[in-house]
Every structure is written in structure tokens, then in C-alpha cells.
Amino acid sequence: MQPSDLMQRDGRERAVAWALTITQNTPLAPAQREQQLLNQFVAGELSLDEVITLLDEGTED
């Protein structure tokens, strides 16, 4: 997969599906908030950089 594939919805869907498959039933599987952000990424509502920023902000105390 090329970085440009993430510009199209089907490329984002494939990338997220792959990540979910390899993390299924592991401690790395996304929590509800993480899954919501991934869904927004797939829909094109957030960029990958925005997802990362929001995840980082959620871990700051």
C-alpha cells in the first residue's frame, strides 16, 4: 500500500481492516474511542495525523 492509497476511502478501509485484523484479541485492539477515531478516518472526516493528535491528547493528564 502506498501513502497515496490513504487518500481514497477504499484504501483507508483496507488499511484499517488490516490493522484491526492483526490486533484482534490482543491488548492492542482499539478501545471504543480509538475505534470511533478510526471510523472517522475511514469516512474521511479526519486525517491520520489528526487521529494521532487526538489519541495523544487523550493520554495526557
PDB file of N, CA and C in Angstrom:
ATOM      1  N   MET A   1       0.850  -1.172   0.000  1.00  0.00           N
ATOM      2  CA  MET A   1       0.000   0.000   0.000  1.00  0.00           C
ATOM      3  C   MET A   1       0.895   1.234   0.000  1.00  0.00           C
ATOM      4  N   GLN A   2       0.565   2.151  -0.853  1.00  0.00           N
ATOM      5  CA  GLN A   2       1.297   3.406  -0.958  1.00  0.00           C
ATOM      6  C   GLN A   2       0.609   4.477  -0.110  1.00  0.00           C
ATOM      7  N   PRO A   3       1.368   5.479   0.360  1.00  0.00           N
ATOM      8  CA  PRO A   3       0.735   6.559   1.135  1.00  0.00           C
ATOM      9  C   PRO A   3      -0.432   7.215   0.400  1.00  0.00           C
ATOM     10  N   SER A   4      -0.351   7.302  -0.933  1.00  0.00           N
ATOM     11  CA  SER A   4      -1.433   7.923  -1.695  1.00  0.00           C
ATOM     12  C   SER A   4      -2.729   7.109  -1.627  1.00  0.00           C
ATOM     13  N   ASP A   5      -2.620   5.801  -1.320  1.00  0.00           N
ATOM     14  CA  ASP A   5      -3.817   4.971  -1.179  1.00  0.00           C
ATOM     15  C   ASP A   5      -4.698   5.448  -0.032  1.00  0.00           C
ATOM     16  N   LEU A   6      -4.098   6.093   0.961  1.00  0.00           N
ATOM     17  CA  LEU A   6      -4.867   6.577   2.110  1.00  0.00           C
ATOM     18  C   LEU A   6      -5.709   7.800   1.758  1.00  0.00           C
ATOM     19  N   MET A   7      -5.528   8.319   0.558  1.00  0.00           N
ATOM     20  CA  MET A   7      -6.321   9.463   0.129  1.00  0.00           C
ATOM     21  C   MET A   7      -7.713   9.028  -0.334  1.00  0.00           C
ATOM     22  N   GLN A   8      -7.872   7.756  -0.664  1.00  0.00           N
ATOM     23  CA  GLN A   8      -9.150   7.230  -1.135  1.00  0.00           C
ATOM     24  C   GLN A   8      -9.789   6.385  -0.045  1.00  0.00           C
ATOM     25  N   ARG A   9     -11.108   6.422   0.026  1.00  0.00           N
ATOM     26  CA  ARG A   9     -11.820   5.703   1.078  1.00  0.00           C
ATOM     27  C   ARG A   9     -11.499   4.209   1.080  1.00  0.00           C
ATOM     28  N   ASP A  10     -11.472   3.572  -0.086  1.00  0.00           N
ATOM     29  CA  ASP A  10     -11.229   2.132  -0.101  1.00  0.00           C
ATOM     30  C   ASP A  10      -9.828   1.801   0.418  1.00  0.00           C
ATOM     31  N   GLY A  11      -8.866   2.664   0.180  1.00  0.00           N
ATOM     32  CA  GLY A  11      -7.524   2.458   0.722  1.00  0.00           C
ATOM     33  C   GLY A  11      -7.503   2.594   2.233  1.00  0.00           C
ATOM     34  N   ARG A  12      -8.250   3.580   2.746  1.00  0.00           N
ATOM     35  CA  ARG A  12      -8.340   3.756   4.201  1.00  0.00           C
ATOM     36  C   ARG A  12      -9.044   2.567   4.838  1.00  0.00           C
ATOM     37  N   GLU A  13     -10.106   2.080   4.188  1.00  0.00           N
ATOM     38  CA  GLU A  13     -10.824   0.912   4.706  1.00  0.00           C
ATOM     39  C   GLU A  13      -9.911  -0.311   4.774  1.00  0.00           C
ATOM     40  N   ARG A  14      -9.133  -0.535   3.719  1.00  0.00           N
ATOM     41  CA  ARG A  14      -8.223  -1.687   3.703  1.00  0.00           C
ATOM     42  C   ARG A  14      -7.168  -1.570   4.797  1.00  0.00           C
ATOM     43  N   ALA A  15      -6.620  -0.368   4.968  1.00  0.00           N
ATOM     44  CA  ALA A  15      -5.579  -0.164   5.980  1.00  0.00           C
ATOM     45  C   ALA A  15      -6.125  -0.419   7.379  1.00  0.00           C
ATOM     46  N   VAL A  16      -7.305   0.110   7.667  1.00  0.00           N
ATOM     47  CA  VAL A  16      -7.906  -0.067   8.994  1.00  0.00           C
ATOM     48  C   VAL A  16      -8.315  -1.521   9.203  1.00  0.00           C
ATOM     49  N   ALA A  17      -8.879  -2.153   8.189  1.00  0.00           N
ATOM     50  CA  ALA A  17      -9.269  -3.567   8.316  1.00  0.00           C
ATOM     51  C   ALA A  17      -8.045  -4.426   8.612  1.00  0.00           C
ATOM     52  N   TRP A  18      -6.939  -4.157   7.940  1.00  0.00           N
ATOM     53  CA  TRP A  18      -5.701  -4.907   8.181  1.00  0.00           C
ATOM     54  C   TRP A  18      -5.245  -4.714   9.626  1.00  0.00           C
ATOM     55  N   ALA A  19      -5.227  -3.462  10.090  1.00  0.00           N
ATOM     56  CA  ALA A  19      -4.781  -3.176  11.459  1.00  0.00           C
ATOM     57  C   ALA A  19      -5.692  -3.853  12.483  1.00  0.00           C
ATOM     58  N   LEU A  20      -6.991  -3.825  12.243  1.00  0.00           N
ATOM     59  CA  LEU A  20      -7.931  -4.456  13.171  1.00  0.00           C
ATOM     60  C   LEU A  20      -7.752  -5.975  13.190  1.00  0.00           C
ATOM     61  N   THR A  21      -7.467  -6.550  12.038  1.00  0.00           N
ATOM     62  CA  THR A  21      -7.275  -7.996  11.955  1.00  0.00           C
ATOM     63  C   THR A  21      -6.062  -8.437  12.762  1.00  0.00           C
ATOM     64  N   ILE A  22      -4.960  -7.722  12.634  1.00  0.00           N
ATOM     65  CA  ILE A  22      -3.748  -8.176  13.328  1.00  0.00           C
ATOM     66  C   ILE A  22      -3.762  -7.852  14.814  1.00  0.00           C
ATOM     67  N   THR A  23      -4.650  -6.944  15.245  1.00  0.00           N
ATOM     68  CA  THR A  23      -4.716  -6.619  16.671  1.00  0.00           C
ATOM     69  C   THR A  23      -5.891  -7.290  17.380  1.00  0.00           C
ATOM     70  N   GLN A  24      -6.740  -7.980  16.618  1.00  0.00           N
ATOM     71  CA  GLN A  24      -7.922  -8.633  17.196  1.00  0.00           C
ATOM     72  C   GLN A  24      -7.508  -9.604  18.303  1.00  0.00           C
ATOM     73  N   ASN A  25      -8.223  -9.533  19.411  1.00  0.00           N
ATOM     74  CA  ASN A  25      -7.983 -10.400  20.568  1.00  0.00           C
ATOM     75  C   ASN A  25      -6.597 -10.225  21.176  1.00  0.00           C
ATOM     76  N   THR A  26      -6.071  -9.021  21.073  1.00  0.00           N
ATOM     77  CA  THR A  26      -4.795  -8.689  21.705  1.00  0.00           C
ATOM     78  C   THR A  26      -4.996  -7.425  22.527  1.00  0.00           C
ATOM     79  N   PRO A  27      -4.052  -7.105  23.401  1.00  0.00           N
ATOM     80  CA  PRO A  27      -4.160  -5.850  24.159  1.00  0.00           C
ATOM     81  C   PRO A  27      -4.090  -4.610  23.266  1.00  0.00           C
ATOM     82  N   LEU A  28      -3.685  -4.773  22.012  1.00  0.00           N
ATOM     83  CA  LEU A  28      -3.578  -3.641  21.092  1.00  0.00           C
ATOM     84  C   LEU A  28      -4.879  -3.347  20.349  1.00  0.00           C
ATOM     85  N   ALA A  29      -5.881  -4.188  20.522  1.00  0.00           N
ATOM     86  CA  ALA A  29      -7.169  -3.946  19.872  1.00  0.00           C
ATOM     87  C   ALA A  29      -7.711  -2.595  20.337  1.00  0.00           C
ATOM     88  N   PRO A  30      -8.305  -1.828  19.425  1.00  0.00           N
ATOM     89  CA  PRO A  30      -8.753  -0.479  19.794  1.00  0.00           C
ATOM     90  C   PRO A  30      -9.898  -0.480  20.803  1.00  0.00           C
ATOM     91  N   ALA A  31      -9.816   0.465  21.717  1.00  0.00           N
ATOM     92  CA  ALA A  31     -10.913   0.719  22.646  1.00  0.00           C
ATOM     93  C   ALA A  31     -12.000   1.486  21.883  1.00  0.00           C
ATOM     94  N   GLN A  32     -13.120   1.725  22.522  1.00  0.00           N
ATOM     95  CA  GLN A  32     -14.255   2.368  21.862  1.00  0.00           C
ATOM     96  C   GLN A  32     -13.876   3.721  21.257  1.00  0.00           C
ATOM     97  N   ARG A  33     -13.198   4.567  22.011  1.00  0.00           N
ATOM     98  CA  ARG A  33     -12.812   5.898  21.494  1.00  0.00           C
ATOM     99  C   ARG A  33     -11.857   5.753  20.311  1.00  0.00           C
ATOM    100  N   GLU A  34     -10.930   4.829  20.388  1.00  0.00           N
ATOM    101  CA  GLU A  34      -9.996   4.608  19.288  1.00  0.00           C
ATOM    102  C   GLU A  34     -10.730   4.125  18.043  1.00  0.00           C
ATOM    103  N   GLN A  35     -11.712   3.243  18.233  1.00  0.00           N
ATOM    104  CA  GLN A  35     -12.498   2.750  17.107  1.00  0.00           C
ATOM    105  C   GLN A  35     -13.292   3.886  16.468  1.00  0.00           C
ATOM    106  N   GLN A  36     -13.836   4.782  17.294  1.00  0.00           N
ATOM    107  CA  GLN A  36     -14.575   5.932  16.760  1.00  0.00           C
ATOM    108  C   GLN A  36     -13.664   6.797  15.893  1.00  0.00           C
ATOM    109  N   LEU A  37     -12.438   7.018  16.349  1.00  0.00           N
ATOM    110  CA  LEU A  37     -11.498   7.817  15.562  1.00  0.00           C
ATOM    111  C   LEU A  37     -11.137   7.109  14.256  1.00  0.00           C
ATOM    112  N   LEU A  38     -10.963   5.795  14.311  1.00  0.00           N
ATOM    113  CA  LEU A  38     -10.682   5.039  13.091  1.00  0.00           C
ATOM    114  C   LEU A  38     -11.853   5.136  12.116  1.00  0.00           C
ATOM    115  N   ASN A  39     -13.066   5.067  12.619  1.00  0.00           N
ATOM    116  CA  ASN A  39     -14.242   5.199  11.763  1.00  0.00           C
ATOM    117  C   ASN A  39     -14.279   6.567  11.096  1.00  0.00           C
ATOM    118  N   GLN A  40     -13.925   7.616  11.844  1.00  0.00           N
ATOM    119  CA  GLN A  40     -13.884   8.964  11.281  1.00  0.00           C
ATOM    120  C   GLN A  40     -12.776   9.079  10.233  1.00  0.00           C
ATOM    121  N   PHE A  41     -11.662   8.396  10.450  1.00  0.00           N
ATOM    122  CA  PHE A  41     -10.584   8.374   9.474  1.00  0.00           C
ATOM    123  C   PHE A  41     -11.047   7.699   8.187  1.00  0.00           C
ATOM    124  N   VAL A  42     -11.685   6.538   8.303  1.00  0.00           N
ATOM    125  CA  VAL A  42     -12.169   5.821   7.125  1.00  0.00           C
ATOM    126  C   VAL A  42     -13.164   6.679   6.354  1.00  0.00           C
ATOM    127  N   ALA A  43     -14.023   7.399   7.055  1.00  0.00           N
ATOM    128  CA  ALA A  43     -15.029   8.239   6.410  1.00  0.00           C
ATOM    129  C   ALA A  43     -14.427   9.489   5.778  1.00  0.00           C
ATOM    130  N   GLY A  44     -13.153   9.746   6.053  1.00  0.00           N
ATOM    131  CA  GLY A  44     -12.512  10.938   5.503  1.00  0.00           C
ATOM    132  C   GLY A  44     -12.748  12.183   6.331  1.00  0.00           C
ATOM    133  N   GLU A  45     -13.305  12.013   7.529  1.00  0.00           N
ATOM    134  CA  GLU A  45     -13.579  13.151   8.408  1.00  0.00           C
ATOM    135  C   GLU A  45     -12.325  13.618   9.140  1.00  0.00           C
ATOM    136  N   LEU A  46     -11.365  12.704   9.326  1.00  0.00           N
ATOM    137  CA  LEU A  46     -10.103  13.016   9.994  1.00  0.00           C
ATOM    138  C   LEU A  46      -8.953  12.479   9.164  1.00  0.00           C
ATOM    139  N   SER A  47      -7.830  13.190   9.191  1.00  0.00           N
ATOM    140  CA  SER A  47      -6.616  12.662   8.575  1.00  0.00           C
ATOM    141  C   SER A  47      -5.929  11.749   9.584  1.00  0.00           C
ATOM    142  N   LEU A  48      -4.971  10.989   9.123  1.00  0.00           N
ATOM    143  CA  LEU A  48      -4.221  10.125  10.027  1.00  0.00           C
ATOM    144  C   LEU A  48      -3.482  10.965  11.069  1.00  0.00           C
ATOM    145  N   ASP A  49      -2.946  12.103  10.655  1.00  0.00           N
ATOM    146  CA  ASP A  49      -2.272  12.994  11.612  1.00  0.00           C
ATOM    147  C   ASP A  49      -3.236  13.499  12.684  1.00  0.00           C
ATOM    148  N   GLU A  50      -4.459  13.809  12.287  1.00  0.00           N
ATOM    149  CA  GLU A  50      -5.456  14.259  13.265  1.00  0.00           C
ATOM    150  C   GLU A  50      -5.811  13.150  14.243  1.00  0.00           C
ATOM    151  N   VAL A  51      -5.934  11.921  13.743  1.00  0.00           N
ATOM    152  CA  VAL A  51      -6.221  10.783  14.619  1.00  0.00           C
ATOM    153  C   VAL A  51      -5.108  10.637  15.652  1.00  0.00           C
ATOM    154  N   ILE A  52      -3.871  10.702  15.198  1.00  0.00           N
ATOM    155  CA  ILE A  52      -2.725  10.562  16.103  1.00  0.00           C
ATOM    156  C   ILE A  52      -2.718  11.680  17.142  1.00  0.00           C
ATOM    157  N   THR A  53      -2.978  12.896  16.711  1.00  0.00           N
ATOM    158  CA  THR A  53      -3.010  14.027  17.637  1.00  0.00           C
ATOM    159  C   THR A  53      -4.093  13.834  18.694  1.00  0.00           C
ATOM    160  N   LEU A  54      -5.274  13.429  18.264  1.00  0.00           N
ATOM    161  CA  LEU A  54      -6.376  13.223  19.206  1.00  0.00           C
ATOM    162  C   LEU A  54      -6.075  12.076  20.177  1.00  0.00           C
ATOM    163  N   LEU A  55      -5.431  11.039  19.680  1.00  0.00           N
ATOM    164  CA  LEU A  55      -5.058   9.940  20.570  1.00  0.00           C
ATOM    165  C   LEU A  55      -4.027  10.406  21.596  1.00  0.00           C
ATOM    166  N   ASP A  56      -3.052  11.189  21.153  1.00  0.00           N
ATOM    167  CA  ASP A  56      -2.036  11.723  22.070  1.00  0.00           C
ATOM    168  C   ASP A  56      -2.657  12.641  23.109  1.00  0.00           C
ATOM    169  N   GLU A  57      -3.596  13.472  22.688  1.00  0.00           N
ATOM    170  CA  GLU A  57      -4.260  14.380  23.631  1.00  0.00           C
ATOM    171  C   GLU A  57      -5.062  13.604  24.662  1.00  0.00           C
ATOM    172  N   GLY A  58      -5.602  12.478  24.282  1.00  0.00           N
ATOM    173  CA  GLY A  58      -6.399  11.667  25.193  1.00  0.00           C
ATOM    174  C   GLY A  58      -5.576  10.968  26.250  1.00  0.00           C
ATOM    175  N   THR A  59      -4.271  10.876  26.053  1.00  0.00           N
ATOM    176  CA  THR A  59      -3.415  10.186  27.019  1.00  0.00           C
ATOM    177  C   THR A  59      -2.705  11.154  27.942  1.00  0.00           C
ATOM    178  N   GLU A  60      -2.839  12.447  27.698  1.00  0.00           N
ATOM    179  CA  GLU A  60      -2.191  13.438  28.566  1.00  0.00           C
ATOM    180  C   GLU A  60      -3.013  13.668  29.815  1.00  0.00           C
ATOM    181  N   ASP A  61      -2.337  13.754  30.937  1.00  0.00           N
ATOM    182  CA  ASP A  61      -3.023  14.046  32.206  1.00  0.00           C
ATOM    183  C   ASP A  61      -2.362  15.205  32.888  1.00  0.00           C
TER     184      ASP A  61
END
